[in-house]
PDB file of N, CA and C in Angstrom:
ATOM      1  N   ARG A   1      23.159   6.683 -19.163  1.00  0.00           N
ATOM      2  CA  ARG A   1      22.613   5.348 -19.321  1.00  0.00           C
ATOM      3  C   ARG A   1      22.409   4.703 -17.961  1.00  0.00           C
ATOM      4  N   PHE A   2      21.310   4.020 -17.840  1.00  0.00           N
ATOM      5  CA  PHE A   2      21.030   3.252 -16.646  1.00  0.00           C
ATOM      6  C   PHE A   2      20.877   1.800 -17.060  1.00  0.00           C
ATOM      7  N   PHE A   3      21.427   0.892 -16.299  1.00  0.00           N
ATOM      8  CA  PHE A   3      21.329  -0.522 -16.593  1.00  0.00           C
ATOM      9  C   PHE A   3      20.330  -1.151 -15.644  1.00  0.00           C
ATOM     10  N   MET A   4      19.318  -1.762 -16.175  1.00  0.00           N
ATOM     11  CA  MET A   4      18.307  -2.418 -15.367  1.00  0.00           C
ATOM     12  C   MET A   4      18.152  -3.837 -15.886  1.00  0.00           C
ATOM     13  N   SER A   5      18.602  -4.773 -15.111  1.00  0.00           N
ATOM     14  CA  SER A   5      18.524  -6.163 -15.497  1.00  0.00           C
ATOM     15  C   SER A   5      19.213  -6.324 -16.857  1.00  0.00           C
ATOM     16  N   ASN A   6      18.472  -6.763 -17.863  1.00  0.00           N
ATOM     17  CA  ASN A   6      19.059  -6.954 -19.188  1.00  0.00           C
ATOM     18  C   ASN A   6      18.758  -5.798 -20.136  1.00  0.00           C
ATOM     19  N   PHE A   7      18.238  -4.699 -19.588  1.00  0.00           N
ATOM     20  CA  PHE A   7      17.840  -3.576 -20.424  1.00  0.00           C
ATOM     21  C   PHE A   7      18.786  -2.401 -20.215  1.00  0.00           C
ATOM     22  N   ILE A   8      18.973  -1.617 -21.246  1.00  0.00           N
ATOM     23  CA  ILE A   8      19.719  -0.365 -21.138  1.00  0.00           C
ATOM     24  C   ILE A   8      18.741   0.760 -21.456  1.00  0.00           C
ATOM     25  N   ILE A   9      18.652   1.717 -20.548  1.00  0.00           N
ATOM     26  CA  ILE A   9      17.780   2.867 -20.750  1.00  0.00           C
ATOM     27  C   ILE A   9      18.675   4.061 -21.057  1.00  0.00           C
ATOM     28  N   THR A  10      18.467   4.681 -22.189  1.00  0.00           N
ATOM     29  CA  THR A  10      19.236   5.859 -22.549  1.00  0.00           C
ATOM     30  C   THR A  10      18.362   7.084 -22.332  1.00  0.00           C
ATOM     31  N   LEU A  11      18.878   8.058 -21.587  1.00  0.00           N
ATOM     32  CA  LEU A  11      18.146   9.278 -21.300  1.00  0.00           C
ATOM     33  C   LEU A  11      18.717  10.405 -22.135  1.00  0.00           C
ATOM     34  N   ASP A  12      17.846  11.116 -22.815  1.00  0.00           N
ATOM     35  CA  ASP A  12      18.268  12.225 -23.663  1.00  0.00           C
ATOM     36  C   ASP A  12      17.724  13.536 -23.117  1.00  0.00           C
ATOM     37  N   GLY A  13      18.449  14.615 -23.310  1.00  0.00           N
ATOM     38  CA  GLY A  13      17.979  15.938 -22.919  1.00  0.00           C
ATOM     39  C   GLY A  13      18.032  16.157 -21.425  1.00  0.00           C
ATOM     40  N   THR A  14      17.516  17.303 -21.007  1.00  0.00           N
ATOM     41  CA  THR A  14      17.530  17.636 -19.593  1.00  0.00           C
ATOM     42  C   THR A  14      16.133  17.796 -19.021  1.00  0.00           C
ATOM     43  N   SER A  15      15.108  17.713 -19.839  1.00  0.00           N
ATOM     44  CA  SER A  15      13.750  17.829 -19.309  1.00  0.00           C
ATOM     45  C   SER A  15      13.049  16.486 -19.379  1.00  0.00           C
ATOM     46  N   GLU A  16      12.118  16.306 -18.468  1.00  0.00           N
ATOM     47  CA  GLU A  16      11.414  15.029 -18.357  1.00  0.00           C
ATOM     48  C   GLU A  16      10.718  14.663 -19.666  1.00  0.00           C
ATOM     49  N   GLU A  17      10.232  15.668 -20.392  1.00  0.00           N
ATOM     50  CA  GLU A  17       9.520  15.395 -21.642  1.00  0.00           C
ATOM     51  C   GLU A  17      10.413  14.724 -22.682  1.00  0.00           C
ATOM     52  N   ASN A  18      11.703  14.951 -22.604  1.00  0.00           N
ATOM     53  CA  ASN A  18      12.632  14.397 -23.596  1.00  0.00           C
ATOM     54  C   ASN A  18      13.162  13.026 -23.210  1.00  0.00           C
ATOM     55  N   ARG A  19      12.789  12.531 -22.068  1.00  0.00           N
ATOM     56  CA  ARG A  19      13.327  11.253 -21.611  1.00  0.00           C
ATOM     57  C   ARG A  19      12.358  10.142 -21.987  1.00  0.00           C
ATOM     58  N   ILE A  20      12.911   9.109 -22.550  1.00  0.00           N
ATOM     59  CA  ILE A  20      12.070   8.029 -23.063  1.00  0.00           C
ATOM     60  C   ILE A  20      12.457   6.726 -22.374  1.00  0.00           C
ATOM     61  N   LEU A  21      11.454   6.052 -21.841  1.00  0.00           N
ATOM     62  CA  LEU A  21      11.655   4.726 -21.267  1.00  0.00           C
ATOM     63  C   LEU A  21      11.067   3.697 -22.221  1.00  0.00           C
ATOM     64  N   PRO A  22      11.649   2.531 -22.291  1.00  0.00           N
ATOM     65  CA  PRO A  22      11.031   1.462 -23.076  1.00  0.00           C
ATOM     66  C   PRO A  22       9.622   1.194 -22.548  1.00  0.00           C
ATOM     67  N   PRO A  23       8.695   0.808 -23.396  1.00  0.00           N
ATOM     68  CA  PRO A  23       7.305   0.600 -22.987  1.00  0.00           C
ATOM     69  C   PRO A  23       7.134  -0.325 -21.781  1.00  0.00           C
ATOM     70  N   GLU A  24       7.987  -1.323 -21.659  1.00  0.00           N
ATOM     71  CA  GLU A  24       7.842  -2.252 -20.537  1.00  0.00           C
ATOM     72  C   GLU A  24       8.144  -1.602 -19.183  1.00  0.00           C
ATOM     73  N   PHE A  25       8.751  -0.404 -19.180  1.00  0.00           N
ATOM     74  CA  PHE A  25       9.059   0.296 -17.933  1.00  0.00           C
ATOM     75  C   PHE A  25       8.208   1.534 -17.714  1.00  0.00           C
ATOM     76  N   SER A  26       7.613   2.080 -18.765  1.00  0.00           N
ATOM     77  CA  SER A  26       7.000   3.407 -18.679  1.00  0.00           C
ATOM     78  C   SER A  26       5.874   3.512 -17.651  1.00  0.00           C
ATOM     79  N   GLU A  27       5.156   2.441 -17.374  1.00  0.00           N
ATOM     80  CA  GLU A  27       4.089   2.492 -16.376  1.00  0.00           C
ATOM     81  C   GLU A  27       4.588   2.164 -14.981  1.00  0.00           C
ATOM     82  N   LYS A  28       5.762   1.596 -14.860  1.00  0.00           N
ATOM     83  CA  LYS A  28       6.283   1.162 -13.573  1.00  0.00           C
ATOM     84  C   LYS A  28       7.339   2.082 -12.984  1.00  0.00           C
ATOM     85  N   ILE A  29       7.940   2.930 -13.819  1.00  0.00           N
ATOM     86  CA  ILE A  29       9.033   3.787 -13.369  1.00  0.00           C
ATOM     87  C   ILE A  29       8.770   5.224 -13.785  1.00  0.00           C
ATOM     88  N   LYS A  30       8.858   6.140 -12.821  1.00  0.00           N
ATOM     89  CA  LYS A  30       8.769   7.567 -13.118  1.00  0.00           C
ATOM     90  C   LYS A  30      10.165   8.154 -13.090  1.00  0.00           C
ATOM     91  N   LEU A  31      10.469   8.957 -14.089  1.00  0.00           N
ATOM     92  CA  LEU A  31      11.720   9.716 -14.119  1.00  0.00           C
ATOM     93  C   LEU A  31      11.421  11.103 -13.576  1.00  0.00           C
ATOM     94  N   ILE A  32      12.198  11.545 -12.606  1.00  0.00           N
ATOM     95  CA  ILE A  32      11.950  12.824 -11.960  1.00  0.00           C
ATOM     96  C   ILE A  32      13.208  13.673 -12.040  1.00  0.00           C
ATOM     97  N   ASN A  33      13.066  14.884 -12.521  1.00  0.00           N
ATOM     98  CA  ASN A  33      14.185  15.821 -12.532  1.00  0.00           C
ATOM     99  C   ASN A  33      14.446  16.268 -11.101  1.00  0.00           C
ATOM    100  N   ILE A  34      15.686  16.131 -10.657  1.00  0.00           N
ATOM    101  CA  ILE A  34      16.055  16.557  -9.303  1.00  0.00           C
ATOM    102  C   ILE A  34      17.348  17.366  -9.340  1.00  0.00           C
ATOM    103  N   PRO A  35      17.299  18.569  -9.910  1.00  0.00           N
ATOM    104  CA  PRO A  35      18.503  19.391  -9.932  1.00  0.00           C
ATOM    105  C   PRO A  35      18.945  19.745  -8.519  1.00  0.00           C
ATOM    106  N   GLY A  36      20.175  20.093  -8.395  1.00  0.00           N
ATOM    107  CA  GLY A  36      20.742  20.458  -7.096  1.00  0.00           C
ATOM    108  C   GLY A  36      22.166  19.963  -7.005  1.00  0.00           C
ATOM    109  N   HIS A  37      22.319  18.646  -6.982  1.00  0.00           N
ATOM    110  CA  HIS A  37      23.678  18.087  -6.995  1.00  0.00           C
ATOM    111  C   HIS A  37      24.354  18.467  -8.309  1.00  0.00           C
ATOM    112  N   SER A  38      23.612  18.268  -9.386  1.00  0.00           N
ATOM    113  CA  SER A  38      24.045  18.713 -10.705  1.00  0.00           C
ATOM    114  C   SER A  38      22.807  19.049 -11.518  1.00  0.00           C
ATOM    115  N   LYS A  39      22.973  19.832 -12.550  1.00  0.00           N
ATOM    116  CA  LYS A  39      21.856  20.365 -13.323  1.00  0.00           C
ATOM    117  C   LYS A  39      20.961  19.279 -13.927  1.00  0.00           C
ATOM    118  N   GLY A  40      21.528  18.221 -14.442  1.00  0.00           N
ATOM    119  CA  GLY A  40      20.748  17.201 -15.131  1.00  0.00           C
ATOM    120  C   GLY A  40      20.407  15.978 -14.297  1.00  0.00           C
ATOM    121  N   SER A  41      20.499  16.080 -12.996  1.00  0.00           N
ATOM    122  CA  SER A  41      20.244  14.913 -12.133  1.00  0.00           C
ATOM    123  C   SER A  41      18.798  14.443 -12.236  1.00  0.00           C
ATOM    124  N   ILE A  42      18.641  13.135 -12.166  1.00  0.00           N
ATOM    125  CA  ILE A  42      17.303  12.540 -12.168  1.00  0.00           C
ATOM    126  C   ILE A  42      17.189  11.525 -11.036  1.00  0.00           C
ATOM    127  N   ALA A  43      15.952  11.207 -10.707  1.00  0.00           N
ATOM    128  CA  ALA A  43      15.645  10.114  -9.786  1.00  0.00           C
ATOM    129  C   ALA A  43      14.751   9.137 -10.530  1.00  0.00           C
ATOM    130  N   LEU A  44      14.797   7.900 -10.115  1.00  0.00           N
ATOM    131  CA  LEU A  44      13.890   6.871 -10.626  1.00  0.00           C
ATOM    132  C   LEU A  44      12.996   6.438  -9.471  1.00  0.00           C
ATOM    133  N   PHE A  45      11.693   6.447  -9.690  1.00  0.00           N
ATOM    134  CA  PHE A  45      10.726   6.053  -8.668  1.00  0.00           C
ATOM    135  C   PHE A  45       9.898   4.905  -9.220  1.00  0.00           C
ATOM    136  N   THR A  46       9.926   3.770  -8.527  1.00  0.00           N
ATOM    137  CA  THR A  46       9.138   2.618  -8.963  1.00  0.00           C
ATOM    138  C   THR A  46       7.740   2.747  -8.370  1.00  0.00           C
ATOM    139  N   THR A  47       6.751   2.858  -9.238  1.00  0.00           N
ATOM    140  CA  THR A  47       5.385   3.119  -8.785  1.00  0.00           C
ATOM    141  C   THR A  47       4.728   1.915  -8.120  1.00  0.00           C
ATOM    142  N   ASP A  48       5.145   0.720  -8.482  1.00  0.00           N
ATOM    143  CA  ASP A  48       4.482  -0.454  -7.898  1.00  0.00           C
ATOM    144  C   ASP A  48       4.943  -0.749  -6.472  1.00  0.00           C
ATOM    145  N   ASP A  49       6.219  -0.544  -6.151  1.00  0.00           N
ATOM    146  CA  ASP A  49       6.684  -0.843  -4.788  1.00  0.00           C
ATOM    147  C   ASP A  49       7.300   0.370  -4.093  1.00  0.00           C
ATOM    148  N   GLU A  50       7.136   1.561  -4.694  1.00  0.00           N
ATOM    149  CA  GLU A  50       7.491   2.840  -4.080  1.00  0.00           C
ATOM    150  C   GLU A  50       8.945   2.919  -3.603  1.00  0.00           C
ATOM    151  N   GLN A  51       9.859   2.508  -4.458  1.00  0.00           N
ATOM    152  CA  GLN A  51      11.286   2.631  -4.185  1.00  0.00           C
ATOM    153  C   GLN A  51      11.821   3.824  -4.970  1.00  0.00           C
ATOM    154  N   LEU A  52      12.740   4.564  -4.353  1.00  0.00           N
ATOM    155  CA  LEU A  52      13.301   5.750  -4.964  1.00  0.00           C
ATOM    156  C   LEU A  52      14.811   5.606  -5.089  1.00  0.00           C
ATOM    157  N   PHE A  53      15.312   5.775  -6.302  1.00  0.00           N
ATOM    158  CA  PHE A  53      16.746   5.761  -6.577  1.00  0.00           C
ATOM    159  C   PHE A  53      17.117   7.205  -6.904  1.00  0.00           C
ATOM    160  N   CYS A  54      17.832   7.860  -5.980  1.00  0.00           N
ATOM    161  CA  CYS A  54      18.003   9.316  -6.087  1.00  0.00           C
ATOM    162  C   CYS A  54      19.398   9.761  -6.481  1.00  0.00           C
ATOM    163  N   GLY A  55      20.283   8.869  -6.832  1.00  0.00           N
ATOM    164  CA  GLY A  55      21.619   9.283  -7.237  1.00  0.00           C
ATOM    165  C   GLY A  55      22.327  10.036  -6.134  1.00  0.00           C
ATOM    166  N   ASP A  56      23.037  11.098  -6.506  1.00  0.00           N
ATOM    167  CA  ASP A  56      23.880  11.817  -5.554  1.00  0.00           C
ATOM    168  C   ASP A  56      23.196  12.991  -4.861  1.00  0.00           C
ATOM    169  N   LEU A  57      21.886  13.186  -5.059  1.00  0.00           N
ATOM    170  CA  LEU A  57      21.198  14.255  -4.340  1.00  0.00           C
ATOM    171  C   LEU A  57      21.245  13.989  -2.831  1.00  0.00           C
ATOM    172  N   LEU A  58      21.039  12.733  -2.455  1.00  0.00           N
ATOM    173  CA  LEU A  58      21.041  12.340  -1.044  1.00  0.00           C
ATOM    174  C   LEU A  58      22.145  11.331  -0.795  1.00  0.00           C
ATOM    175  N   GLU A  59      22.608  11.273   0.447  1.00  0.00           N
ATOM    176  CA  GLU A  59      23.616  10.292   0.837  1.00  0.00           C
ATOM    177  C   GLU A  59      23.274   9.768   2.223  1.00  0.00           C
ATOM    178  N   ASN A  60      23.841   8.644   2.560  1.00  0.00           N
ATOM    179  CA  ASN A  60      23.662   8.069   3.891  1.00  0.00           C
ATOM    180  C   ASN A  60      24.981   7.425   4.320  1.00  0.00           C
ATOM    181  N   VAL A  61      26.015   8.250   4.418  1.00  0.00           N
ATOM    182  CA  VAL A  61      27.321   7.744   4.837  1.00  0.00           C
ATOM    183  C   VAL A  61      27.373   7.671   6.362  1.00  0.00           C
ATOM    184  N   LYS A  62      27.051   8.776   7.022  1.00  0.00           N
ATOM    185  CA  LYS A  62      26.952   8.788   8.485  1.00  0.00           C
ATOM    186  C   LYS A  62      25.505   8.875   8.934  1.00  0.00           C
ATOM    187  N   LYS A  63      24.706   9.630   8.172  1.00  0.00           N
ATOM    188  CA  LYS A  63      23.274   9.773   8.416  1.00  0.00           C
ATOM    189  C   LYS A  63      22.619  10.222   7.115  1.00  0.00           C
ATOM    190  N   PRO A  64      21.327   9.953   6.917  1.00  0.00           N
ATOM    191  CA  PRO A  64      20.641  10.391   5.703  1.00  0.00           C
ATOM    192  C   PRO A  64      20.579  11.919   5.631  1.00  0.00           C
ATOM    193  N   LYS A  65      21.055  12.482   4.511  1.00  0.00           N
ATOM    194  CA  LYS A  65      21.063  13.937   4.348  1.00  0.00           C
ATOM    195  C   LYS A  65      21.299  14.302   2.895  1.00  0.00           C
ATOM    196  N   LEU A  66      21.111  15.600   2.588  1.00  0.00           N
ATOM    197  CA  LEU A  66      21.507  16.092   1.281  1.00  0.00           C
ATOM    198  C   LEU A  66      23.006  15.887   1.128  1.00  0.00           C
ATOM    199  N   SER A  67      23.429  15.612  -0.069  1.00  0.00           N
ATOM    200  CA  SER A  67      24.850  15.398  -0.343  1.00  0.00           C
ATOM    201  C   SER A  67      25.668  16.629   0.053  1.00  0.00           C
ATOM    202  N   ASP A  68      26.906  16.402   0.422  1.00  0.00           N
ATOM    203  CA  ASP A  68      27.808  17.508   0.762  1.00  0.00           C
ATOM    204  C   ASP A  68      28.215  18.317  -0.460  1.00  0.00           C
ATOM    205  N   ILE A  69      28.127  17.727  -1.630  1.00  0.00           N
ATOM    206  CA  ILE A  69      28.550  18.398  -2.857  1.00  0.00           C
ATOM    207  C   ILE A  69      27.315  18.786  -3.661  1.00  0.00           C
ATOM    208  N   MET A  70      27.074  20.096  -3.789  1.00  0.00           N
ATOM    209  CA  MET A  70      25.900  20.609  -4.496  1.00  0.00           C
ATOM    210  C   MET A  70      26.304  21.731  -5.435  1.00  0.00           C
ATOM    211  N   ASP A  71      25.718  21.724  -6.627  1.00  0.00           N
ATOM    212  CA  ASP A  71      25.872  22.851  -7.546  1.00  0.00           C
ATOM    213  C   ASP A  71      24.927  23.986  -7.167  1.00  0.00           C
ATOM    214  N   ASP A  72      23.741  23.620  -6.653  1.00  0.00           N
ATOM    215  CA  ASP A  72      22.695  24.610  -6.390  1.00  0.00           C
ATOM    216  C   ASP A  72      21.876  24.144  -5.182  1.00  0.00           C
ATOM    217  N   LEU A  73      22.213  24.637  -3.993  1.00  0.00           N
ATOM    218  CA  LEU A  73      21.552  24.192  -2.761  1.00  0.00           C
ATOM    219  C   LEU A  73      20.058  24.521  -2.733  1.00  0.00           C
ATOM    220  N   PRO A  74      19.604  25.718  -3.139  1.00  0.00           N
ATOM    221  CA  PRO A  74      18.157  25.965  -3.170  1.00  0.00           C
ATOM    222  C   PRO A  74      17.415  24.983  -4.088  1.00  0.00           C
ATOM    223  N   ALA A  75      18.005  24.661  -5.245  1.00  0.00           N
ATOM    224  CA  ALA A  75      17.384  23.685  -6.156  1.00  0.00           C
ATOM    225  C   ALA A  75      17.352  22.306  -5.516  1.00  0.00           C
ATOM    226  N   ALA A  76      18.410  21.948  -4.783  1.00  0.00           N
ATOM    227  CA  ALA A  76      18.448  20.653  -4.097  1.00  0.00           C
ATOM    228  C   ALA A  76      17.331  20.553  -3.064  1.00  0.00           C
ATOM    229  N   ARG A  77      17.109  21.624  -2.336  1.00  0.00           N
ATOM    230  CA  ARG A  77      16.024  21.622  -1.329  1.00  0.00           C
ATOM    231  C   ARG A  77      14.655  21.493  -2.002  1.00  0.00           C
ATOM    232  N   GLN A  78      14.481  22.157  -3.143  1.00  0.00           N
ATOM    233  CA  GLN A  78      13.229  22.017  -3.893  1.00  0.00           C
ATOM    234  C   GLN A  78      13.061  20.585  -4.408  1.00  0.00           C
ATOM    235  N   SER A  79      14.149  19.990  -4.861  1.00  0.00           N
ATOM    236  CA  SER A  79      14.094  18.604  -5.330  1.00  0.00           C
ATOM    237  C   SER A  79      13.715  17.669  -4.191  1.00  0.00           C
ATOM    238  N   LEU A  80      14.277  17.899  -3.019  1.00  0.00           N
ATOM    239  CA  LEU A  80      13.937  17.078  -1.858  1.00  0.00           C
ATOM    240  C   LEU A  80      12.450  17.215  -1.523  1.00  0.00           C
ATOM    241  N   ASP A  81      11.915  18.425  -1.585  1.00  0.00           N
ATOM    242  CA  ASP A  81      10.478  18.623  -1.349  1.00  0.00           C
ATOM    243  C   ASP A  81       9.645  17.855  -2.366  1.00  0.00           C
ATOM    244  N   CYS A  82      10.074  17.867  -3.614  1.00  0.00           N
ATOM    245  CA  CYS A  82       9.389  17.123  -4.676  1.00  0.00           C
ATOM    246  C   CYS A  82       9.393  15.629  -4.379  1.00  0.00           C
ATOM    247  N   LEU A  83      10.533  15.104  -3.935  1.00  0.00           N
ATOM    248  CA  LEU A  83      10.634  13.673  -3.625  1.00  0.00           C
ATOM    249  C   LEU A  83       9.783  13.297  -2.428  1.00  0.00           C
ATOM    250  N   ARG A  84       9.688  14.188  -1.454  1.00  0.00           N
ATOM    251  CA  ARG A  84       8.842  13.907  -0.276  1.00  0.00           C
ATOM    252  C   ARG A  84       7.383  13.719  -0.669  1.00  0.00           C
ATOM    253  N   LYS A  85       6.925  14.439  -1.682  1.00  0.00           N
ATOM    254  CA  LYS A  85       5.534  14.321  -2.142  1.00  0.00           C
ATOM    255  C   LYS A  85       5.241  12.935  -2.707  1.00  0.00           C
ATOM    256  N   LEU A  86       6.262  12.245  -3.179  1.00  0.00           N
ATOM    257  CA  LEU A  86       6.081  10.890  -3.719  1.00  0.00           C
ATOM    258  C   LEU A  86       5.826   9.862  -2.613  1.00  0.00           C
ATOM    259  N   LYS A  87       6.271  10.174  -1.403  1.00  0.00           N
ATOM    260  CA  LYS A  87       6.156   9.280  -0.249  1.00  0.00           C
ATOM    261  C   LYS A  87       6.748   7.891  -0.526  1.00  0.00           C
ATOM    262  N   PRO A  88       8.033   7.860  -0.886  1.00  0.00           N
ATOM    263  CA  PRO A  88       8.655   6.556  -1.161  1.00  0.00           C
ATOM    264  C   PRO A  88       8.759   5.708   0.102  1.00  0.00           C
ATOM    265  N   ARG A  89       8.674   4.426  -0.084  1.00  0.00           N
ATOM    266  CA  ARG A  89       8.820   3.481   1.025  1.00  0.00           C
ATOM    267  C   ARG A  89      10.274   3.366   1.449  1.00  0.00           C
ATOM    268  N   ILE A  90      11.181   3.386   0.475  1.00  0.00           N
ATOM    269  CA  ILE A  90      12.620   3.257   0.752  1.00  0.00           C
ATOM    270  C   ILE A  90      13.391   4.088  -0.273  1.00  0.00           C
ATOM    271  N   VAL A  91      14.519   4.665   0.161  1.00  0.00           N
ATOM    272  CA  VAL A  91      15.363   5.485  -0.703  1.00  0.00           C
ATOM    273  C   VAL A  91      16.723   4.815  -0.850  1.00  0.00           C
ATOM    274  N   TYR A  92      17.180   4.716  -2.085  1.00  0.00           N
ATOM    275  CA  TYR A  92      18.512   4.193  -2.378  1.00  0.00           C
ATOM    276  C   TYR A  92      19.368   5.371  -2.847  1.00  0.00           C
ATOM    277  N   PRO A  93      20.301   5.833  -1.991  1.00  0.00           N
ATOM    278  CA  PRO A  93      21.122   6.991  -2.357  1.00  0.00           C
ATOM    279  C   PRO A  93      22.319   6.589  -3.213  1.00  0.00           C
ATOM    280  N   GLY A  94      22.991   7.602  -3.751  1.00  0.00           N
ATOM    281  CA  GLY A  94      24.204   7.362  -4.524  1.00  0.00           C
ATOM    282  C   GLY A  94      25.339   6.830  -3.662  1.00  0.00           C
ATOM    283  N   HIS A  95      25.344   7.190  -2.383  1.00  0.00           N
ATOM    284  CA  HIS A  95      26.395   6.750  -1.460  1.00  0.00           C
ATOM    285  C   HIS A  95      25.760   6.386  -0.127  1.00  0.00           C
ATOM    286  N   GLY A  96      26.100   5.222   0.386  1.00  0.00           N
ATOM    287  CA  GLY A  96      25.597   4.786   1.684  1.00  0.00           C
ATOM    288  C   GLY A  96      24.443   3.811   1.575  1.00  0.00           C
ATOM    289  N   SER A  97      23.871   3.504   2.718  1.00  0.00           N
ATOM    290  CA  SER A  97      22.818   2.493   2.825  1.00  0.00           C
ATOM    291  C   SER A  97      21.435   3.071   2.538  1.00  0.00           C
ATOM    292  N   PRO A  98      20.501   2.225   2.113  1.00  0.00           N
ATOM    293  CA  PRO A  98      19.116   2.666   1.923  1.00  0.00           C
ATOM    294  C   PRO A  98      18.527   3.181   3.236  1.00  0.00           C
ATOM    295  N   PHE A  99      17.517   4.033   3.129  1.00  0.00           N
ATOM    296  CA  PHE A  99      16.891   4.626   4.316  1.00  0.00           C
ATOM    297  C   PHE A  99      15.477   5.076   3.977  1.00  0.00           C
ATOM    298  N   GLU A 100      14.713   5.454   4.995  1.00  0.00           N
ATOM    299  CA  GLU A 100      13.397   6.022   4.821  1.00  0.00           C
ATOM    300  C   GLU A 100      13.564   7.538   4.667  1.00  0.00           C
ATOM    301  N   LEU A 101      12.798   8.143   3.748  1.00  0.00           N
ATOM    302  CA  LEU A 101      12.999   9.549   3.435  1.00  0.00           C
ATOM    303  C   LEU A 101      12.766  10.463   4.633  1.00  0.00           C
ATOM    304  N   ASN A 102      11.884  10.058   5.552  1.00  0.00           N
ATOM    305  CA  ASN A 102      11.619  10.916   6.712  1.00  0.00           C
ATOM    306  C   ASN A 102      12.827  11.008   7.653  1.00  0.00           C
ATOM    307  N   GLN A 103      13.883  10.231   7.416  1.00  0.00           N
ATOM    308  CA  GLN A 103      15.091  10.277   8.227  1.00  0.00           C
ATOM    309  C   GLN A 103      16.059  11.380   7.776  1.00  0.00           C
ATOM    310  N   VAL A 104      15.802  11.999   6.619  1.00  0.00           N
ATOM    311  CA  VAL A 104      16.713  13.006   6.077  1.00  0.00           C
ATOM    312  C   VAL A 104      16.697  14.247   6.952  1.00  0.00           C
ATOM    313  N   GLN A 105      17.895  14.674   7.326  1.00  0.00           N
ATOM    314  CA  GLN A 105      18.076  15.904   8.090  1.00  0.00           C
ATOM    315  C   GLN A 105      18.801  16.900   7.194  1.00  0.00           C
ATOM    316  N   GLU A 106      18.272  18.099   7.102  1.00  0.00           N
ATOM    317  CA  GLU A 106      18.908  19.116   6.250  1.00  0.00           C
ATOM    318  C   GLU A 106      19.951  19.887   7.012  1.00  0.00           C
TER     319      GLU A 106
END
C-alpha cells in the first residue's frame, strides 16, 4: 500500500499489468517494476513534473548509488537503466536525500 495525500493505493500482483491505480492518478503516475533490491519492487514516476520515487533500489546516505542490499544485482542494474530512460528531474530514494539520477555511481 502506498499513501498519497488522502488516497490509499493498493498494488496487487508482481507485474505492471496487475497493478491498478485509481482513475485520478492513472494519467499522472506510472508504476514501474524495478526488481533488484527485491523481486516485487516498484517505482512511482510522476509524468507531469518528472519526479521518481524509487524505494530501496537507490540510496543517498553518503552518495547516490544502488542500495547496498540487493537480492539480484544484475536485475538492479537493468532496473537502473530502465529508470534512466525516464529522465526524471529528481529522485526520491528509500534512504537519504533526493538527488538527480545522473549523480548515481555504480
